[in-house]
Protein backbone atom coordinates (compact mmCIF):
# COMPACT_ATOMS: atom_id res chain seq x y z
CA MET A 1 10.95 -40.26 13.36
CA ARG A 2 10.52 -36.97 11.55
CA ALA A 3 10.77 -37.00 7.79
CA ASP A 4 12.46 -33.60 7.62
CA ARG A 5 16.24 -33.55 7.71
CA ILE A 6 18.56 -31.11 9.42
CA PHE A 7 21.17 -29.57 7.12
CA PRO A 8 24.79 -30.75 7.66
CA GLU A 9 26.00 -27.32 8.76
CA THR A 10 23.19 -27.13 11.32
CA LEU A 11 24.03 -30.57 12.66
CA GLN A 12 27.61 -29.45 13.19
CA GLN A 13 26.47 -26.30 14.95
CA LEU A 14 24.25 -28.32 17.30
CA ILE A 15 27.37 -30.17 18.42
CA LEU A 16 29.53 -27.06 18.66
CA ASP A 17 26.89 -25.22 20.68
CA VAL A 18 27.40 -27.73 23.50
CA LEU A 19 31.13 -28.38 23.21
CA GLN A 20 32.04 -24.69 23.14
CA LYS A 21 30.81 -24.42 26.71
CA THR A 22 33.77 -26.43 28.01
CA PRO A 23 37.42 -25.24 28.04
CA LYS A 24 38.48 -28.79 27.15
CA PHE A 25 37.24 -28.24 23.59
CA ILE A 26 39.01 -26.49 20.70
CA TYR A 27 37.56 -26.25 17.21
CA LEU A 28 40.32 -26.58 14.62
CA SER A 29 38.92 -26.68 11.08
CA GLY A 30 36.43 -28.06 8.60
CA VAL A 31 32.72 -28.53 8.08
CA GLN A 32 31.29 -32.04 8.13
CA PRO A 33 33.65 -33.63 8.84
CA PHE A 34 35.42 -31.20 11.14
CA LEU A 35 38.61 -31.46 13.15
CA MET A 36 38.57 -30.67 16.87
CA LYS A 37 40.56 -31.17 20.02
CA TYR A 38 39.24 -32.40 23.35
CA ASN A 39 41.50 -32.86 26.35
CA ASP A 40 44.43 -32.12 24.01
CA LYS A 41 43.53 -35.06 21.73
CA SER A 42 42.48 -34.51 18.11
CA TYR A 43 39.37 -36.05 16.56
CA PHE A 44 37.61 -35.88 13.22
CA VAL A 45 33.86 -35.65 13.79
CA TYR A 46 31.08 -36.29 11.28
CA VAL A 47 27.36 -35.98 12.09
CA LYS A 48 24.45 -37.38 10.07
CA ASN A 49 20.71 -37.54 10.61
CA LEU A 50 19.31 -40.81 11.90
CA SER A 51 16.40 -42.12 9.85
CA SER A 52 14.38 -45.29 9.44
CA ALA A 53 16.28 -48.23 7.97
CA TYR A 54 13.00 -49.38 6.35
CA PHE A 55 13.28 -52.96 7.55
CA ARG A 56 9.83 -54.51 7.33
CA GLU A 57 10.57 -57.09 10.00
CA ARG A 58 12.21 -54.53 12.34
CA PRO A 59 10.41 -51.22 11.73
CA ASP A 60 12.03 -49.54 14.74
CA THR A 61 15.55 -49.95 13.31
CA THR A 62 17.24 -46.65 12.48
CA ARG A 63 20.46 -45.87 10.65
CA ALA A 64 22.98 -43.19 9.75
CA GLN A 65 24.89 -43.57 6.48
CA LEU A 66 28.43 -42.72 5.44
CA PRO A 67 28.72 -41.47 1.85
CA ILE A 68 31.87 -41.47 -0.27
CA LYS A 69 33.95 -38.33 0.24
CA GLU A 70 37.37 -37.39 -1.13
CA GLU A 71 38.51 -36.08 2.26
CA PHE A 72 37.80 -39.47 3.82
CA GLU A 73 40.82 -40.89 2.01
CA GLU A 74 43.12 -38.46 3.81
CA ILE A 75 41.32 -39.05 7.10
CA LYS A 76 41.89 -42.81 6.77
CA LYS A 77 45.64 -42.12 6.58
CA SER A 78 45.66 -39.73 9.55
CA PRO A 79 46.48 -40.81 13.11
CA TYR A 80 43.31 -39.20 14.50
CA PRO A 81 40.11 -41.08 15.39
CA PHE A 82 37.07 -40.58 13.17
CA VAL A 83 33.98 -40.14 15.34
CA PHE A 84 30.73 -40.81 13.47
CA LEU A 85 27.57 -39.55 15.17
CA GLY A 86 23.94 -40.18 14.24
CA TYR A 87 21.45 -37.54 15.44
CA ASP A 88 17.86 -38.23 16.51
CA GLN A 89 16.14 -34.85 16.57
CA ASP A 90 12.95 -36.19 18.15
CA ASN A 91 14.79 -37.18 21.31
CA ASP A 92 17.79 -34.82 20.97
CA VAL A 93 19.99 -37.92 21.19
CA LEU A 94 23.31 -38.81 19.57
CA VAL A 95 24.44 -42.32 18.67
CA CYS A 96 28.13 -43.15 18.25
CA TRP A 97 29.60 -46.35 16.84
CA ASN A 98 33.06 -47.82 17.46
CA TYR A 99 35.38 -45.30 15.82
CA HIS A 100 38.05 -47.94 15.18
CA VAL A 101 35.58 -49.87 13.01
CA VAL A 102 34.03 -46.81 11.36
CA LYS A 103 37.37 -45.45 10.19
CA GLN A 104 38.16 -48.76 8.49
CA ARG A 105 34.89 -48.55 6.55
CA LEU A 106 35.34 -45.03 5.17
CA ASN A 107 34.76 -45.02 1.38
CA ALA A 108 34.32 -48.81 1.48
CA ALA A 109 31.07 -48.54 -0.51
CA LYS A 110 28.80 -45.94 -2.04
CA SER A 111 26.80 -45.90 1.17
CA VAL A 112 27.82 -47.59 4.44
CA SER A 113 25.09 -47.92 7.08
CA PHE A 114 25.41 -48.00 10.85
CA TYR A 115 22.36 -49.01 12.85
CA SER A 116 20.50 -48.21 16.04
CA ARG A 117 17.02 -48.84 17.43
CA LYS A 118 14.35 -46.21 17.99
CA PHE A 119 13.42 -47.58 21.42
CA PHE A 120 17.08 -47.42 22.50
CA GLN A 121 17.10 -43.74 21.55
CA GLU A 122 13.93 -43.14 23.54
CA GLU A 123 15.48 -44.89 26.55
CA VAL A 124 18.35 -42.42 26.92
CA VAL A 125 18.25 -40.21 30.00
CA GLU A 126 20.20 -37.05 30.71
CA GLY A 127 23.54 -37.47 32.45
CA GLU A 128 24.16 -41.07 31.38
CA LEU A 129 25.79 -42.93 28.50
CA LEU A 130 23.77 -45.92 27.28
CA GLN A 131 25.58 -48.75 25.50
CA LYS A 132 23.55 -51.38 23.64
CA ARG A 133 24.39 -54.48 21.63
CA LEU A 134 22.78 -54.98 18.22
CA LYS A 135 22.16 -58.29 16.44
CA ASN A 136 25.04 -57.52 14.05
CA GLY A 137 27.46 -57.34 17.00
CA ASP A 138 27.85 -53.54 17.03
CA GLU A 139 27.73 -51.88 20.45
CA PRO A 140 26.82 -48.22 19.86
CA VAL A 141 26.73 -45.68 22.66
CA LEU A 142 23.75 -43.36 22.97
CA PHE A 143 23.52 -40.11 24.92
CA LYS A 144 21.70 -36.80 25.06
CA ARG A 145 23.27 -34.08 22.90
CA LYS A 146 23.87 -31.93 25.97
CA ASP A 147 26.03 -34.78 27.37
CA ILE A 148 28.50 -34.86 24.48
CA ALA A 149 31.27 -33.50 26.73
CA LEU A 150 30.66 -36.42 29.09
CA PHE A 151 30.97 -38.74 26.09
CA PHE A 152 34.32 -37.25 25.04
CA ASP A 153 35.53 -37.46 28.63
CA ARG A 154 35.14 -41.23 28.40
CA ILE A 155 35.55 -41.98 24.69
CA GLU A 156 38.97 -43.62 25.11
CA THR A 157 37.56 -46.26 27.48
CA ILE A 158 34.23 -47.00 25.77
CA PHE A 159 35.32 -48.57 22.50
CA SER A 160 37.89 -51.28 21.93
CA ASN A 161 40.19 -51.57 18.95
CA SER A 162 39.09 -54.79 17.27
CA THR A 163 42.69 -55.46 16.21
CA ASP A 164 43.87 -55.12 19.78
CA ASP A 165 41.17 -57.58 20.88
CA VAL A 166 42.72 -60.20 18.61
CA CYS A 167 46.38 -59.53 19.33
CA SER A 168 46.41 -58.44 22.95
CA PRO A 169 46.96 -60.99 25.71
CA LYS A 170 44.80 -58.88 28.04
CA LYS A 171 41.41 -60.32 27.05
CA GLU A 172 39.95 -61.13 30.44
CA LYS A 173 37.07 -59.42 32.19
CA ILE A 174 36.56 -58.95 35.89
CA THR A 175 33.34 -60.57 37.13
CA GLU A 176 33.27 -59.30 40.70
CA ILE A 177 34.81 -56.48 42.70
CA THR A 178 36.52 -57.97 45.75
CA ASP A 179 39.20 -55.33 46.40
CA GLU A 180 38.26 -53.95 49.83
CA GLU A 181 40.00 -50.63 49.22
CA LEU A 182 37.98 -50.07 46.04
CA ILE A 183 34.75 -51.23 47.68
CA SER A 184 35.27 -48.69 50.47
CA LYS A 185 35.50 -45.95 47.83
CA LEU A 186 32.47 -47.14 45.87
CA LYS A 187 30.00 -47.81 48.68
CA PRO A 188 29.55 -44.12 49.68
CA LEU A 189 28.87 -43.26 46.02
CA LEU A 190 26.29 -46.00 45.52
CA ASN A 191 24.44 -46.34 48.83
CA THR A 192 22.69 -42.99 48.78
CA GLU A 193 19.20 -41.83 47.85
CA THR A 194 20.63 -40.75 44.48
CA PRO A 195 23.43 -43.18 43.57
CA HIS A 196 26.38 -41.63 41.71
CA THR A 197 26.72 -44.59 39.33
CA LEU A 198 28.78 -42.88 36.62
CA GLU A 199 31.26 -41.55 39.17
CA ALA A 200 31.54 -45.04 40.69
CA ILE A 201 32.21 -46.56 37.26
CA LYS A 202 34.96 -44.01 36.65
CA VAL A 203 36.56 -44.77 40.04
CA ALA A 204 36.50 -48.52 39.29
CA GLU A 205 38.02 -48.07 35.82
CA GLN A 206 40.79 -45.86 37.17
CA HIS A 207 41.51 -48.31 39.98
CA TYR A 208 42.19 -51.17 37.55
CA ASN A 209 43.98 -48.84 35.12
CA GLY A 210 43.35 -50.75 31.88
CA LYS A 211 44.09 -54.21 33.33
CA TYR A 212 40.82 -55.63 31.96
CA SER A 213 40.89 -54.47 28.34
CA LYS A 214 37.68 -56.25 27.29
CA MET A 215 35.51 -54.43 29.80
CA ARG A 216 32.83 -52.16 28.34
CA LEU A 217 30.61 -49.50 29.87
CA LYS A 218 27.78 -51.99 30.48
CA ASP A 219 30.22 -54.41 32.18
CA TRP A 220 31.48 -51.77 34.61
CA ALA A 221 27.91 -50.63 35.28
CA ALA A 222 26.82 -54.18 36.11
CA LEU A 223 29.79 -54.61 38.46
CA VAL A 224 29.26 -51.49 40.51
CA LYS A 225 25.49 -51.98 40.71
CA ARG A 226 26.07 -55.31 42.43
CA LEU A 227 27.52 -53.36 45.34
CA MET A 228 24.29 -51.43 45.85
CA TYR A 229 21.82 -52.48 48.53
């Protein structure tokens, strides 16, 4: 990855340049972090450069680090999600970690690291969200910067609240789609020369309407792809 860093204000502008193209977005205030609205929901957003984690045994590991900031104390008390993004300028890719977890770790140490892998970042393709599992259990989502609106369209369904996972009785996952009505909706989306996988995933999620709270993006993707022939 490049050794040169992009200034914080420039990183913010790279995000705004894309989001300002959609009427769903409203910039509210602040510079790194900044407060915004998307689909009438408020979010704090903070963007850092991704760089090497300098692990000798895993040289392709990258990281973005949270510093200590006074404003983070107020953000921790706010009801709004804190969305932490790492930016890979070589691939024009953003990495986002579970915002429920990130918010809990604000100002927890002088420097708090969140990790990714360089080859994951190189694997990202335009128009898709890529979710990967790391050895530490984190499941970051990676996507092209130009797809950040797509990410915010789906942010509420991508990440689980770890507290909810412990307390909620809805822990099950669905392992196969057998609902004939849903299958009839999905087949036309999938059995084409260019399958509309993301649209099919969205249709499946909406059909079950939160019934399977442990399902992640990769789980839905695996389910719908089984219907392809």
